[in-house]
């Protein structure tokens, strides 16, 4: 499986996991902007949830969650701000959060509100 196919596979698993375990509602996947991509956009009642899905086969080189660097967080914040602006919303006018769903091997680790705007 190539890298893109692997990413899509685990994003689909992440979506189902968050729908079943957390009760989130799916909105969109793989939203691309220059300089950033939003893996999953979901809704938790009145809150937009931007989910970064990370997969690692094992923790030999660090956990999947540890791979979300400050630079990656800035790219996600930028992409989310653009997505919200297209809907006449902003971090100041709407409730949103950034979650990480880290998958290491077969272990799922959901980190709600992992970092903020």
PDB file of N, CA and C in Angstrom:
ATOM      1  N   UNK A   1       0.862  -1.176   0.000  1.00  0.00           N
ATOM      2  CA  UNK A   1       0.000   0.000   0.000  1.00  0.00           C
ATOM      3  C   UNK A   1       0.907   1.237   0.000  1.00  0.00           C
ATOM      4  N   UNK A   2       0.649   2.175  -0.906  1.00  0.00           N
ATOM      5  CA  UNK A   2       1.470   3.389  -0.921  1.00  0.00           C
ATOM      6  C   UNK A   2       1.042   4.333   0.208  1.00  0.00           C
ATOM      7  N   UNK A   3       1.808   5.413   0.379  1.00  0.00           N
ATOM      8  CA  UNK A   3       1.575   6.314   1.509  1.00  0.00           C
ATOM      9  C   UNK A   3       0.179   6.947   1.475  1.00  0.00           C
ATOM     10  N   UNK A   4      -0.262   7.377   0.301  1.00  0.00           N
ATOM     11  CA  UNK A   4      -1.590   8.007   0.190  1.00  0.00           C
ATOM     12  C   UNK A   4      -2.698   6.999   0.513  1.00  0.00           C
ATOM     13  N   UNK A   5      -2.576   5.788  -0.016  1.00  0.00           N
ATOM     14  CA  UNK A   5      -3.582   4.750   0.249  1.00  0.00           C
ATOM     15  C   UNK A   5      -3.598   4.385   1.729  1.00  0.00           C
ATOM     16  N   UNK A   6      -2.424   4.319   2.341  1.00  0.00           N
ATOM     17  CA  UNK A   6      -2.348   4.035   3.779  1.00  0.00           C
ATOM     18  C   UNK A   6      -3.039   5.145   4.565  1.00  0.00           C
ATOM     19  N   UNK A   7      -2.764   6.399   4.196  1.00  0.00           N
ATOM     20  CA  UNK A   7      -3.393   7.535   4.877  1.00  0.00           C
ATOM     21  C   UNK A   7      -4.902   7.497   4.759  1.00  0.00           C
ATOM     22  N   UNK A   8      -5.406   7.247   3.556  1.00  0.00           N
ATOM     23  CA  UNK A   8      -6.852   7.180   3.329  1.00  0.00           C
ATOM     24  C   UNK A   8      -7.468   6.045   4.138  1.00  0.00           C
ATOM     25  N   UNK A   9      -6.795   4.905   4.155  1.00  0.00           N
ATOM     26  CA  UNK A   9      -7.283   3.747   4.904  1.00  0.00           C
ATOM     27  C   UNK A   9      -7.451   4.095   6.389  1.00  0.00           C
ATOM     28  N   UNK A  10      -6.444   4.689   6.985  1.00  0.00           N
ATOM     29  CA  UNK A  10      -6.510   4.997   8.410  1.00  0.00           C
ATOM     30  C   UNK A  10      -7.411   6.191   8.718  1.00  0.00           C
ATOM     31  N   UNK A  11      -7.554   7.112   7.776  1.00  0.00           N
ATOM     32  CA  UNK A  11      -8.517   8.200   7.971  1.00  0.00           C
ATOM     33  C   UNK A  11      -9.942   7.650   8.010  1.00  0.00           C
ATOM     34  N   UNK A  12     -10.234   6.660   7.177  1.00  0.00           N
ATOM     35  CA  UNK A  12     -11.557   6.038   7.204  1.00  0.00           C
ATOM     36  C   UNK A  12     -11.782   5.309   8.523  1.00  0.00           C
ATOM     37  N   UNK A  13     -10.772   4.609   9.018  1.00  0.00           N
ATOM     38  CA  UNK A  13     -10.867   3.954  10.328  1.00  0.00           C
ATOM     39  C   UNK A  13     -11.073   4.993  11.429  1.00  0.00           C
ATOM     40  N   UNK A  14     -10.342   6.087  11.341  1.00  0.00           N
ATOM     41  CA  UNK A  14     -10.453   7.158  12.336  1.00  0.00           C
ATOM     42  C   UNK A  14     -11.860   7.753  12.336  1.00  0.00           C
ATOM     43  N   UNK A  15     -12.398   7.979  11.140  1.00  0.00           N
ATOM     44  CA  UNK A  15     -13.754   8.522  11.038  1.00  0.00           C
ATOM     45  C   UNK A  15     -14.757   7.612  11.742  1.00  0.00           C
ATOM     46  N   UNK A  16     -14.704   6.320  11.428  1.00  0.00           N
ATOM     47  CA  UNK A  16     -15.636   5.376  12.061  1.00  0.00           C
ATOM     48  C   UNK A  16     -15.434   5.339  13.577  1.00  0.00           C
ATOM     49  N   UNK A  17     -14.193   5.341  14.006  1.00  0.00           N
ATOM     50  CA  UNK A  17     -13.886   5.320  15.439  1.00  0.00           C
ATOM     51  C   UNK A  17     -14.504   6.540  16.137  1.00  0.00           C
ATOM     52  N   UNK A  18     -14.316   7.717  15.565  1.00  0.00           N
ATOM     53  CA  UNK A  18     -14.832   8.943  16.195  1.00  0.00           C
ATOM     54  C   UNK A  18     -16.356   9.018  16.146  1.00  0.00           C
ATOM     55  N   UNK A  19     -16.943   8.489  15.088  1.00  0.00           N
ATOM     56  CA  UNK A  19     -18.411   8.456  15.017  1.00  0.00           C
ATOM     57  C   UNK A  19     -18.967   7.517  16.085  1.00  0.00           C
ATOM     58  N   UNK A  20     -18.352   6.350  16.236  1.00  0.00           N
ATOM     59  CA  UNK A  20     -18.868   5.341  17.166  1.00  0.00           C
ATOM     60  C   UNK A  20     -18.480   5.614  18.616  1.00  0.00           C
ATOM     61  N   UNK A  21     -17.221   5.948  18.862  1.00  0.00           N
ATOM     62  CA  UNK A  21     -16.730   6.107  20.230  1.00  0.00           C
ATOM     63  C   UNK A  21     -17.006   7.483  20.819  1.00  0.00           C
ATOM     64  N   UNK A  22     -16.996   8.517  19.974  1.00  0.00           N
ATOM     65  CA  UNK A  22     -17.117   9.881  20.490  1.00  0.00           C
ATOM     66  C   UNK A  22     -18.429  10.550  20.103  1.00  0.00           C
ATOM     67  N   UNK A  23     -19.193   9.917  19.203  1.00  0.00           N
ATOM     68  CA  UNK A  23     -20.463  10.496  18.785  1.00  0.00           C
ATOM     69  C   UNK A  23     -20.318  11.711  17.886  1.00  0.00           C
ATOM     70  N   UNK A  24     -19.153  11.870  17.227  1.00  0.00           N
ATOM     71  CA  UNK A  24     -18.958  12.998  16.324  1.00  0.00           C
ATOM     72  C   UNK A  24     -19.665  12.730  15.000  1.00  0.00           C
ATOM     73  N   UNK A  25     -20.036  13.800  14.310  1.00  0.00           N
ATOM     74  CA  UNK A  25     -20.698  13.714  13.016  1.00  0.00           C
ATOM     75  C   UNK A  25     -19.726  14.136  11.924  1.00  0.00           C
ATOM     76  N   UNK A  26     -19.584  13.301  10.916  1.00  0.00           N
ATOM     77  CA  UNK A  26     -18.668  13.570   9.806  1.00  0.00           C
ATOM     78  C   UNK A  26     -19.181  14.724   8.946  1.00  0.00           C
ATOM     79  N   UNK A  27     -18.259  15.630   8.548  1.00  0.00           N
ATOM     80  CA  UNK A  27     -18.590  16.738   7.660  1.00  0.00           C
ATOM     81  C   UNK A  27     -17.795  16.646   6.360  1.00  0.00           C
ATOM     82  N   UNK A  28     -16.467  16.491   6.460  1.00  0.00           N
ATOM     83  CA  UNK A  28     -15.630  16.466   5.254  1.00  0.00           C
ATOM     84  C   UNK A  28     -14.308  15.772   5.560  1.00  0.00           C
ATOM     85  N   UNK A  29     -13.638  15.359   4.479  1.00  0.00           N
ATOM     86  CA  UNK A  29     -12.326  14.713   4.620  1.00  0.00           C
ATOM     87  C   UNK A  29     -11.374  15.246   3.563  1.00  0.00           C
ATOM     88  N   UNK A  30     -10.096  15.272   3.917  1.00  0.00           N
ATOM     89  CA  UNK A  30      -9.028  15.652   2.985  1.00  0.00           C
ATOM     90  C   UNK A  30      -9.290  16.986   2.292  1.00  0.00           C
ATOM     91  N   UNK A  31      -9.502  18.010   3.085  1.00  0.00           N
ATOM     92  CA  UNK A  31      -9.715  19.358   2.569  1.00  0.00           C
ATOM     93  C   UNK A  31      -8.341  20.005   2.408  1.00  0.00           C
ATOM     94  N   UNK A  32      -7.982  20.323   1.159  1.00  0.00           N
ATOM     95  CA  UNK A  32      -6.641  20.830   0.845  1.00  0.00           C
ATOM     96  C   UNK A  32      -6.654  22.337   0.650  1.00  0.00           C
ATOM     97  N   UNK A  33      -5.642  22.981   1.204  1.00  0.00           N
ATOM     98  CA  UNK A  33      -5.370  24.392   0.972  1.00  0.00           C
ATOM     99  C   UNK A  33      -3.880  24.523   0.733  1.00  0.00           C
ATOM    100  N   UNK A  34      -3.493  25.573   0.088  1.00  0.00           N
ATOM    101  CA  UNK A  34      -2.065  25.824  -0.094  1.00  0.00           C
ATOM    102  C   UNK A  34      -1.440  25.940   1.294  1.00  0.00           C
ATOM    103  N   UNK A  35      -0.507  25.063   1.573  1.00  0.00           N
ATOM    104  CA  UNK A  35       0.176  25.118   2.859  1.00  0.00           C
ATOM    105  C   UNK A  35      -0.437  24.260   3.947  1.00  0.00           C
ATOM    106  N   UNK A  36      -1.526  23.538   3.653  1.00  0.00           N
ATOM    107  CA  UNK A  36      -2.096  22.703   4.706  1.00  0.00           C
ATOM    108  C   UNK A  36      -3.258  21.853   4.234  1.00  0.00           C
ATOM    109  N   UNK A  37      -3.508  20.804   4.988  1.00  0.00           N
ATOM    110  CA  UNK A  37      -4.623  19.893   4.691  1.00  0.00           C
ATOM    111  C   UNK A  37      -5.313  19.527   5.992  1.00  0.00           C
ATOM    112  N   UNK A  38      -6.634  19.452   5.939  1.00  0.00           N
ATOM    113  CA  UNK A  38      -7.432  19.016   7.077  1.00  0.00           C
ATOM    114  C   UNK A  38      -7.870  17.579   6.793  1.00  0.00           C
ATOM    115  N   UNK A  39      -7.412  16.640   7.624  1.00  0.00           N
ATOM    116  CA  UNK A  39      -7.737  15.228   7.398  1.00  0.00           C
ATOM    117  C   UNK A  39      -9.224  14.973   7.542  1.00  0.00           C
ATOM    118  N   UNK A  40      -9.782  15.356   8.683  1.00  0.00           N
ATOM    119  CA  UNK A  40     -11.216  15.169   8.933  1.00  0.00           C
ATOM    120  C   UNK A  40     -11.783  16.439   9.554  1.00  0.00           C
ATOM    121  N   UNK A  41     -12.963  16.800   9.100  1.00  0.00           N
ATOM    122  CA  UNK A  41     -13.720  17.871   9.746  1.00  0.00           C
ATOM    123  C   UNK A  41     -14.994  17.217  10.242  1.00  0.00           C
ATOM    124  N   UNK A  42     -15.234  17.377  11.539  1.00  0.00           N
ATOM    125  CA  UNK A  42     -16.384  16.733  12.156  1.00  0.00           C
ATOM    126  C   UNK A  42     -17.108  17.754  13.016  1.00  0.00           C
ATOM    127  N   UNK A  43     -18.239  17.338  13.513  1.00  0.00           N
ATOM    128  CA  UNK A  43     -19.057  18.222  14.347  1.00  0.00           C
ATOM    129  C   UNK A  43     -19.352  17.504  15.660  1.00  0.00           C
ATOM    130  N   UNK A  44     -19.184  18.227  16.755  1.00  0.00           N
ATOM    131  CA  UNK A  44     -19.536  17.739  18.089  1.00  0.00           C
ATOM    132  C   UNK A  44     -20.572  18.718  18.624  1.00  0.00           C
ATOM    133  N   UNK A  45     -21.838  18.411  18.354  1.00  0.00           N
ATOM    134  CA  UNK A  45     -22.960  19.304  18.636  1.00  0.00           C
ATOM    135  C   UNK A  45     -22.721  20.641  17.951  1.00  0.00           C
ATOM    136  N   UNK A  46     -22.353  21.702  18.703  1.00  0.00           N
ATOM    137  CA  UNK A  46     -22.190  23.034  18.109  1.00  0.00           C
ATOM    138  C   UNK A  46     -20.731  23.400  17.885  1.00  0.00           C
ATOM    139  N   UNK A  47     -19.844  22.427  17.952  1.00  0.00           N
ATOM    140  CA  UNK A  47     -18.410  22.682  17.833  1.00  0.00           C
ATOM    141  C   UNK A  47     -17.843  22.027  16.579  1.00  0.00           C
ATOM    142  N   UNK A  48     -17.100  22.819  15.786  1.00  0.00           N
ATOM    143  CA  UNK A  48     -16.363  22.255  14.668  1.00  0.00           C
ATOM    144  C   UNK A  48     -15.148  21.541  15.236  1.00  0.00           C
ATOM    145  N   UNK A  49     -14.892  20.330  14.749  1.00  0.00           N
ATOM    146  CA  UNK A  49     -13.748  19.551  15.221  1.00  0.00           C
ATOM    147  C   UNK A  49     -12.859  19.237  14.019  1.00  0.00           C
ATOM    148  N   UNK A  50     -11.639  19.773  14.056  1.00  0.00           N
ATOM    149  CA  UNK A  50     -10.654  19.520  13.011  1.00  0.00           C
ATOM    150  C   UNK A  50      -9.736  18.426  13.537  1.00  0.00           C
ATOM    151  N   UNK A  51      -9.729  17.289  12.851  1.00  0.00           N
ATOM    152  CA  UNK A  51      -9.018  16.108  13.348  1.00  0.00           C
ATOM    153  C   UNK A  51      -7.803  15.810  12.481  1.00  0.00           C
ATOM    154  N   UNK A  52      -6.655  15.750  13.114  1.00  0.00           N
ATOM    155  CA  UNK A  52      -5.432  15.309  12.447  1.00  0.00           C
ATOM    156  C   UNK A  52      -5.260  13.828  12.751  1.00  0.00           C
ATOM    157  N   UNK A  53      -5.205  13.014  11.707  1.00  0.00           N
ATOM    158  CA  UNK A  53      -5.057  11.564  11.866  1.00  0.00           C
ATOM    159  C   UNK A  53      -3.594  11.219  11.599  1.00  0.00           C
ATOM    160  N   UNK A  54      -2.974  10.541  12.560  1.00  0.00           N
ATOM    161  CA  UNK A  54      -1.577  10.145  12.418  1.00  0.00           C
ATOM    162  C   UNK A  54      -1.468   8.650  12.632  1.00  0.00           C
ATOM    163  N   UNK A  55      -0.686   8.003  11.767  1.00  0.00           N
ATOM    164  CA  UNK A  55      -0.500   6.565  11.868  1.00  0.00           C
ATOM    165  C   UNK A  55       0.986   6.247  11.899  1.00  0.00           C
ATOM    166  N   UNK A  56       1.333   5.346  12.792  1.00  0.00           N
ATOM    167  CA  UNK A  56       2.681   4.778  12.837  1.00  0.00           C
ATOM    168  C   UNK A  56       2.528   3.277  13.005  1.00  0.00           C
ATOM    169  N   UNK A  57       3.317   2.524  12.267  1.00  0.00           N
ATOM    170  CA  UNK A  57       3.272   1.069  12.361  1.00  0.00           C
ATOM    171  C   UNK A  57       3.653   0.610  13.770  1.00  0.00           C
ATOM    172  N   UNK A  58       4.635   1.306  14.363  1.00  0.00           N
ATOM    173  CA  UNK A  58       5.055   1.018  15.742  1.00  0.00           C
ATOM    174  C   UNK A  58       5.663   2.294  16.320  1.00  0.00           C
ATOM    175  N   UNK A  59       6.035   2.248  17.583  1.00  0.00           N
ATOM    176  CA  UNK A  59       6.547   3.441  18.260  1.00  0.00           C
ATOM    177  C   UNK A  59       8.072   3.509  18.262  1.00  0.00           C
ATOM    178  N   UNK A  60       8.707   2.751  17.398  1.00  0.00           N
ATOM    179  CA  UNK A  60      10.164   2.702  17.358  1.00  0.00           C
ATOM    180  C   UNK A  60      10.794   4.096  17.201  1.00  0.00           C
ATOM    181  N   UNK A  61      10.170   4.950  16.396  1.00  0.00           N
ATOM    182  CA  UNK A  61      10.699   6.295  16.168  1.00  0.00           C
ATOM    183  C   UNK A  61       9.801   7.357  16.794  1.00  0.00           C
ATOM    184  N   UNK A  62       9.097   6.998  17.862  1.00  0.00           N
ATOM    185  CA  UNK A  62       8.184   7.914  18.534  1.00  0.00           C
ATOM    186  C   UNK A  62       6.745   7.561  18.205  1.00  0.00           C
ATOM    187  N   UNK A  63       5.855   8.041  19.046  1.00  0.00           N
ATOM    188  CA  UNK A  63       4.433   7.731  18.851  1.00  0.00           C
ATOM    189  C   UNK A  63       3.850   8.560  17.708  1.00  0.00           C
ATOM    190  N   UNK A  64       2.708   8.138  17.242  1.00  0.00           N
ATOM    191  CA  UNK A  64       2.017   8.865  16.182  1.00  0.00           C
ATOM    192  C   UNK A  64       1.667  10.282  16.652  1.00  0.00           C
ATOM    193  N   UNK A  65       1.243  10.425  17.892  1.00  0.00           N
ATOM    194  CA  UNK A  65       0.862  11.746  18.418  1.00  0.00           C
ATOM    195  C   UNK A  65       2.054  12.696  18.441  1.00  0.00           C
ATOM    196  N   UNK A  66       3.229  12.166  18.748  1.00  0.00           N
ATOM    197  CA  UNK A  66       4.428  13.001  18.810  1.00  0.00           C
ATOM    198  C   UNK A  66       4.826  13.557  17.446  1.00  0.00           C
ATOM    199  N   UNK A  67       4.297  12.990  16.383  1.00  0.00           N
ATOM    200  CA  UNK A  67       4.645  13.451  15.041  1.00  0.00           C
ATOM    201  C   UNK A  67       3.892  14.716  14.634  1.00  0.00           C
ATOM    202  N   UNK A  68       2.977  15.195  15.475  1.00  0.00           N
ATOM    203  CA  UNK A  68       2.271  16.454  15.188  1.00  0.00           C
ATOM    204  C   UNK A  68       3.097  17.583  15.818  1.00  0.00           C
ATOM    205  N   UNK A  69       4.013  18.103  15.017  1.00  0.00           N
ATOM    206  CA  UNK A  69       4.959  19.115  15.474  1.00  0.00           C
ATOM    207  C   UNK A  69       4.291  20.493  15.568  1.00  0.00           C
ATOM    208  N   UNK A  70       4.935  21.441  16.240  1.00  0.00           N
ATOM    209  CA  UNK A  70       4.389  22.807  16.262  1.00  0.00           C
ATOM    210  C   UNK A  70       4.195  23.388  14.855  1.00  0.00           C
ATOM    211  N   UNK A  71       5.100  23.073  13.931  1.00  0.00           N
ATOM    212  CA  UNK A  71       4.938  23.558  12.555  1.00  0.00           C
ATOM    213  C   UNK A  71       3.683  22.960  11.921  1.00  0.00           C
ATOM    214  N   UNK A  72       3.457  21.660  12.141  1.00  0.00           N
ATOM    215  CA  UNK A  72       2.254  21.003  11.619  1.00  0.00           C
ATOM    216  C   UNK A  72       1.008  21.643  12.234  1.00  0.00           C
ATOM    217  N   UNK A  73       1.055  21.938  13.521  1.00  0.00           N
ATOM    218  CA  UNK A  73      -0.080  22.578  14.182  1.00  0.00           C
ATOM    219  C   UNK A  73      -0.388  23.929  13.542  1.00  0.00           C
ATOM    220  N   UNK A  74       0.641  24.717  13.216  1.00  0.00           N
ATOM    221  CA  UNK A  74       0.434  26.009  12.580  1.00  0.00           C
ATOM    222  C   UNK A  74      -0.212  25.850  11.212  1.00  0.00           C
ATOM    223  N   UNK A  75       0.187  24.834  10.464  1.00  0.00           N
ATOM    224  CA  UNK A  75      -0.417  24.574   9.150  1.00  0.00           C
ATOM    225  C   UNK A  75      -1.888  24.200   9.289  1.00  0.00           C
ATOM    226  N   UNK A  76      -2.210  23.405  10.317  1.00  0.00           N
ATOM    227  CA  UNK A  76      -3.603  23.015  10.562  1.00  0.00           C
ATOM    228  C   UNK A  76      -4.437  24.228  10.973  1.00  0.00           C
ATOM    229  N   UNK A  77      -3.887  25.068  11.825  1.00  0.00           N
ATOM    230  CA  UNK A  77      -4.589  26.284  12.246  1.00  0.00           C
ATOM    231  C   UNK A  77      -4.874  27.172  11.034  1.00  0.00           C
ATOM    232  N   UNK A  78      -3.897  27.321  10.164  1.00  0.00           N
ATOM    233  CA  UNK A  78      -4.063  28.142   8.968  1.00  0.00           C
ATOM    234  C   UNK A  78      -5.157  27.571   8.056  1.00  0.00           C
ATOM    235  N   UNK A  79      -5.098  26.265   7.802  1.00  0.00           N
ATOM    236  CA  UNK A  79      -6.101  25.632   6.938  1.00  0.00           C
ATOM    237  C   UNK A  79      -7.499  25.745   7.540  1.00  0.00           C
ATOM    238  N   UNK A  80      -7.608  25.546   8.846  1.00  0.00           N
ATOM    239  CA  UNK A  80      -8.914  25.653   9.509  1.00  0.00           C
ATOM    240  C   UNK A  80      -9.443  27.081   9.434  1.00  0.00           C
ATOM    241  N   UNK A  81      -8.569  28.067   9.594  1.00  0.00           N
ATOM    242  CA  UNK A  81      -8.997  29.468   9.495  1.00  0.00           C
ATOM    243  C   UNK A  81      -9.542  29.764   8.101  1.00  0.00           C
ATOM    244  N   UNK A  82      -8.886  29.228   7.067  1.00  0.00           N
ATOM    245  CA  UNK A  82      -9.382  29.417   5.697  1.00  0.00           C
ATOM    246  C   UNK A  82     -10.730  28.734   5.504  1.00  0.00           C
ATOM    247  N   UNK A  83     -10.858  27.518   6.026  1.00  0.00           N
ATOM    248  CA  UNK A  83     -12.120  26.781   5.896  1.00  0.00           C
ATOM    249  C   UNK A  83     -13.258  27.536   6.582  1.00  0.00           C
ATOM    250  N   UNK A  84     -12.991  28.030   7.778  1.00  0.00           N
ATOM    251  CA  UNK A  84     -14.012  28.797   8.500  1.00  0.00           C
ATOM    252  C   UNK A  84     -14.359  30.086   7.761  1.00  0.00           C
ATOM    253  N   UNK A  85     -13.346  30.776   7.223  1.00  0.00           N
ATOM    254  CA  UNK A  85     -13.586  32.034   6.510  1.00  0.00           C
ATOM    255  C   UNK A  85     -14.493  31.831   5.302  1.00  0.00           C
ATOM    256  N   UNK A  86     -14.374  30.688   4.637  1.00  0.00           N
ATOM    257  CA  UNK A  86     -15.258  30.390   3.500  1.00  0.00           C
ATOM    258  C   UNK A  86     -16.715  30.290   3.934  1.00  0.00           C
ATOM    259  N   UNK A  87     -16.925  30.108   5.223  1.00  0.00           N
ATOM    260  CA  UNK A  87     -18.274  29.989   5.789  1.00  0.00           C
ATOM    261  C   UNK A  87     -18.639  31.218   6.622  1.00  0.00           C
ATOM    262  N   UNK A  88     -17.939  32.313   6.388  1.00  0.00           N
ATOM    263  CA  UNK A  88     -18.140  33.562   7.121  1.00  0.00           C
ATOM    264  C   UNK A  88     -18.045  33.352   8.635  1.00  0.00           C
ATOM    265  N   UNK A  89     -17.099  32.527   9.044  1.00  0.00           N
ATOM    266  CA  UNK A  89     -16.861  32.260  10.458  1.00  0.00           C
ATOM    267  C   UNK A  89     -15.374  32.443  10.746  1.00  0.00           C
ATOM    268  N   UNK A  90     -15.034  32.466  12.031  1.00  0.00           N
ATOM    269  CA  UNK A  90     -13.634  32.571  12.434  1.00  0.00           C
ATOM    270  C   UNK A  90     -13.480  31.922  13.801  1.00  0.00           C
ATOM    271  N   UNK A  91     -12.239  31.822  14.262  1.00  0.00           N
ATOM    272  CA  UNK A  91     -11.996  31.269  15.595  1.00  0.00           C
ATOM    273  C   UNK A  91     -12.677  32.123  16.664  1.00  0.00           C
ATOM    274  N   UNK A  92     -12.866  33.424  16.369  1.00  0.00           N
ATOM    275  CA  UNK A  92     -13.496  34.334  17.334  1.00  0.00           C
ATOM    276  C   UNK A  92     -15.013  34.213  17.364  1.00  0.00           C
ATOM    277  N   UNK A  93     -15.611  33.722  16.267  1.00  0.00           N
ATOM    278  CA  UNK A  93     -17.068  33.737  16.177  1.00  0.00           C
ATOM    279  C   UNK A  93     -17.728  32.376  16.310  1.00  0.00           C
ATOM    280  N   UNK A  94     -16.934  31.316  16.329  1.00  0.00           N
ATOM    281  CA  UNK A  94     -17.535  29.980  16.387  1.00  0.00           C
ATOM    282  C   UNK A  94     -16.715  29.071  17.295  1.00  0.00           C
ATOM    283  N   UNK A  95     -17.355  28.073  17.803  1.00  0.00           N
ATOM    284  CA  UNK A  95     -16.691  27.106  18.674  1.00  0.00           C
ATOM    285  C   UNK A  95     -15.999  26.050  17.812  1.00  0.00           C
ATOM    286  N   UNK A  96     -14.700  25.857  18.053  1.00  0.00           N
ATOM    287  CA  UNK A  96     -13.988  24.812  17.336  1.00  0.00           C
ATOM    288  C   UNK A  96     -12.852  24.286  18.200  1.00  0.00           C
ATOM    289  N   UNK A  97     -12.361  23.110  17.831  1.00  0.00           N
ATOM    290  CA  UNK A  97     -11.227  22.527  18.543  1.00  0.00           C
ATOM    291  C   UNK A  97     -10.423  21.665  17.577  1.00  0.00           C
ATOM    292  N   UNK A  98      -9.221  21.338  18.006  1.00  0.00           N
ATOM    293  CA  UNK A  98      -8.308  20.523  17.209  1.00  0.00           C
ATOM    294  C   UNK A  98      -8.006  19.249  17.969  1.00  0.00           C
ATOM    295  N   UNK A  99      -8.396  18.129  17.382  1.00  0.00           N
ATOM    296  CA  UNK A  99      -8.165  16.813  17.977  1.00  0.00           C
ATOM    297  C   UNK A  99      -7.089  16.090  17.176  1.00  0.00           C
ATOM    298  N   UNK A 100      -6.415  15.175  17.842  1.00  0.00           N
ATOM    299  CA  UNK A 100      -5.500  14.264  17.163  1.00  0.00           C
ATOM    300  C   UNK A 100      -6.018  12.852  17.416  1.00  0.00           C
ATOM    301  N   UNK A 101      -6.091  12.066  16.352  1.00  0.00           N
ATOM    302  CA  UNK A 101      -6.361  10.645  16.519  1.00  0.00           C
ATOM    303  C   UNK A 101      -5.094   9.939  16.072  1.00  0.00           C
ATOM    304  N   UNK A 102      -4.339   9.461  17.051  1.00  0.00           N
ATOM    305  CA  UNK A 102      -3.062   8.814  16.797  1.00  0.00           C
ATOM    306  C   UNK A 102      -3.257   7.305  16.812  1.00  0.00           C
ATOM    307  N   UNK A 103      -2.824   6.672  15.745  1.00  0.00           N
ATOM    308  CA  UNK A 103      -2.938   5.222  15.633  1.00  0.00           C
ATOM    309  C   UNK A 103      -1.517   4.665  15.566  1.00  0.00           C
ATOM    310  N   UNK A 104      -1.147   3.910  16.589  1.00  0.00           N
ATOM    311  CA  UNK A 104       0.164   3.268  16.612  1.00  0.00           C
ATOM    312  C   UNK A 104      -0.082   1.767  16.616  1.00  0.00           C
ATOM    313  N   UNK A 105       0.279   1.120  15.502  1.00  0.00           N
ATOM    314  CA  UNK A 105      -0.052  -0.292  15.348  1.00  0.00           C
ATOM    315  C   UNK A 105      -1.559  -0.448  15.305  1.00  0.00           C
ATOM    316  N   UNK A 106      -2.115  -1.142  16.278  1.00  0.00           N
ATOM    317  CA  UNK A 106      -3.571  -1.319  16.382  1.00  0.00           C
ATOM    318  C   UNK A 106      -4.172  -0.483  17.517  1.00  0.00           C
ATOM    319  N   UNK A 107      -3.347   0.335  18.160  1.00  0.00           N
ATOM    320  CA  UNK A 107      -3.789   1.134  19.317  1.00  0.00           C
ATOM    321  C   UNK A 107      -4.253   2.523  18.864  1.00  0.00           C
ATOM    322  N   UNK A 108      -5.482   2.873  19.240  1.00  0.00           N
ATOM    323  CA  UNK A 108      -6.047   4.181  18.932  1.00  0.00           C
ATOM    324  C   UNK A 108      -5.946   5.070  20.162  1.00  0.00           C
ATOM    325  N   UNK A 109      -5.451   6.278  19.968  1.00  0.00           N
ATOM    326  CA  UNK A 109      -5.339   7.238  21.059  1.00  0.00           C
ATOM    327  C   UNK A 109      -5.966   8.548  20.595  1.00  0.00           C
ATOM    328  N   UNK A 110      -7.157   8.840  21.113  1.00  0.00           N
ATOM    329  CA  UNK A 110      -7.884  10.050  20.733  1.00  0.00           C
ATOM    330  C   UNK A 110      -7.524  11.147  21.721  1.00  0.00           C
ATOM    331  N   UNK A 111      -7.010  12.259  21.210  1.00  0.00           N
ATOM    332  CA  UNK A 111      -6.610  13.394  22.034  1.00  0.00           C
ATOM    333  C   UNK A 111      -7.490  14.587  21.686  1.00  0.00           C
ATOM    334  N   UNK A 112      -8.643  14.721  22.359  1.00  0.00           N
ATOM    335  CA  UNK A 112      -9.511  15.867  22.067  1.00  0.00           C
ATOM    336  C   UNK A 112      -8.857  17.147  22.562  1.00  0.00           C
ATOM    337  N   UNK A 113      -9.063  18.221  21.818  1.00  0.00           N
ATOM    338  CA  UNK A 113      -8.547  19.535  22.189  1.00  0.00           C
ATOM    339  C   UNK A 113      -7.040  19.476  22.424  1.00  0.00           C
ATOM    340  N   UNK A 114      -6.324  18.837  21.494  1.00  0.00           N
ATOM    341  CA  UNK A 114      -4.887  18.587  21.633  1.00  0.00           C
ATOM    342  C   UNK A 114      -4.064  19.871  21.591  1.00  0.00           C
ATOM    343  N   UNK A 115      -4.540  20.851  20.843  1.00  0.00           N
ATOM    344  CA  UNK A 115      -3.894  22.165  20.799  1.00  0.00           C
ATOM    345  C   UNK A 115      -4.948  23.168  20.373  1.00  0.00           C
ATOM    346  N   UNK A 116      -4.671  24.443  20.520  1.00  0.00           N
ATOM    347  CA  UNK A 116      -5.713  25.420  20.274  1.00  0.00           C
ATOM    348  C   UNK A 116      -5.307  26.541  19.352  1.00  0.00           C
ATOM    349  N   UNK A 117      -6.325  27.291  18.974  1.00  0.00           N
ATOM    350  CA  UNK A 117      -6.117  28.433  18.094  1.00  0.00           C
ATOM    351  C   UNK A 117      -5.597  29.614  18.877  1.00  0.00           C
TER     352      UNK A 117
END
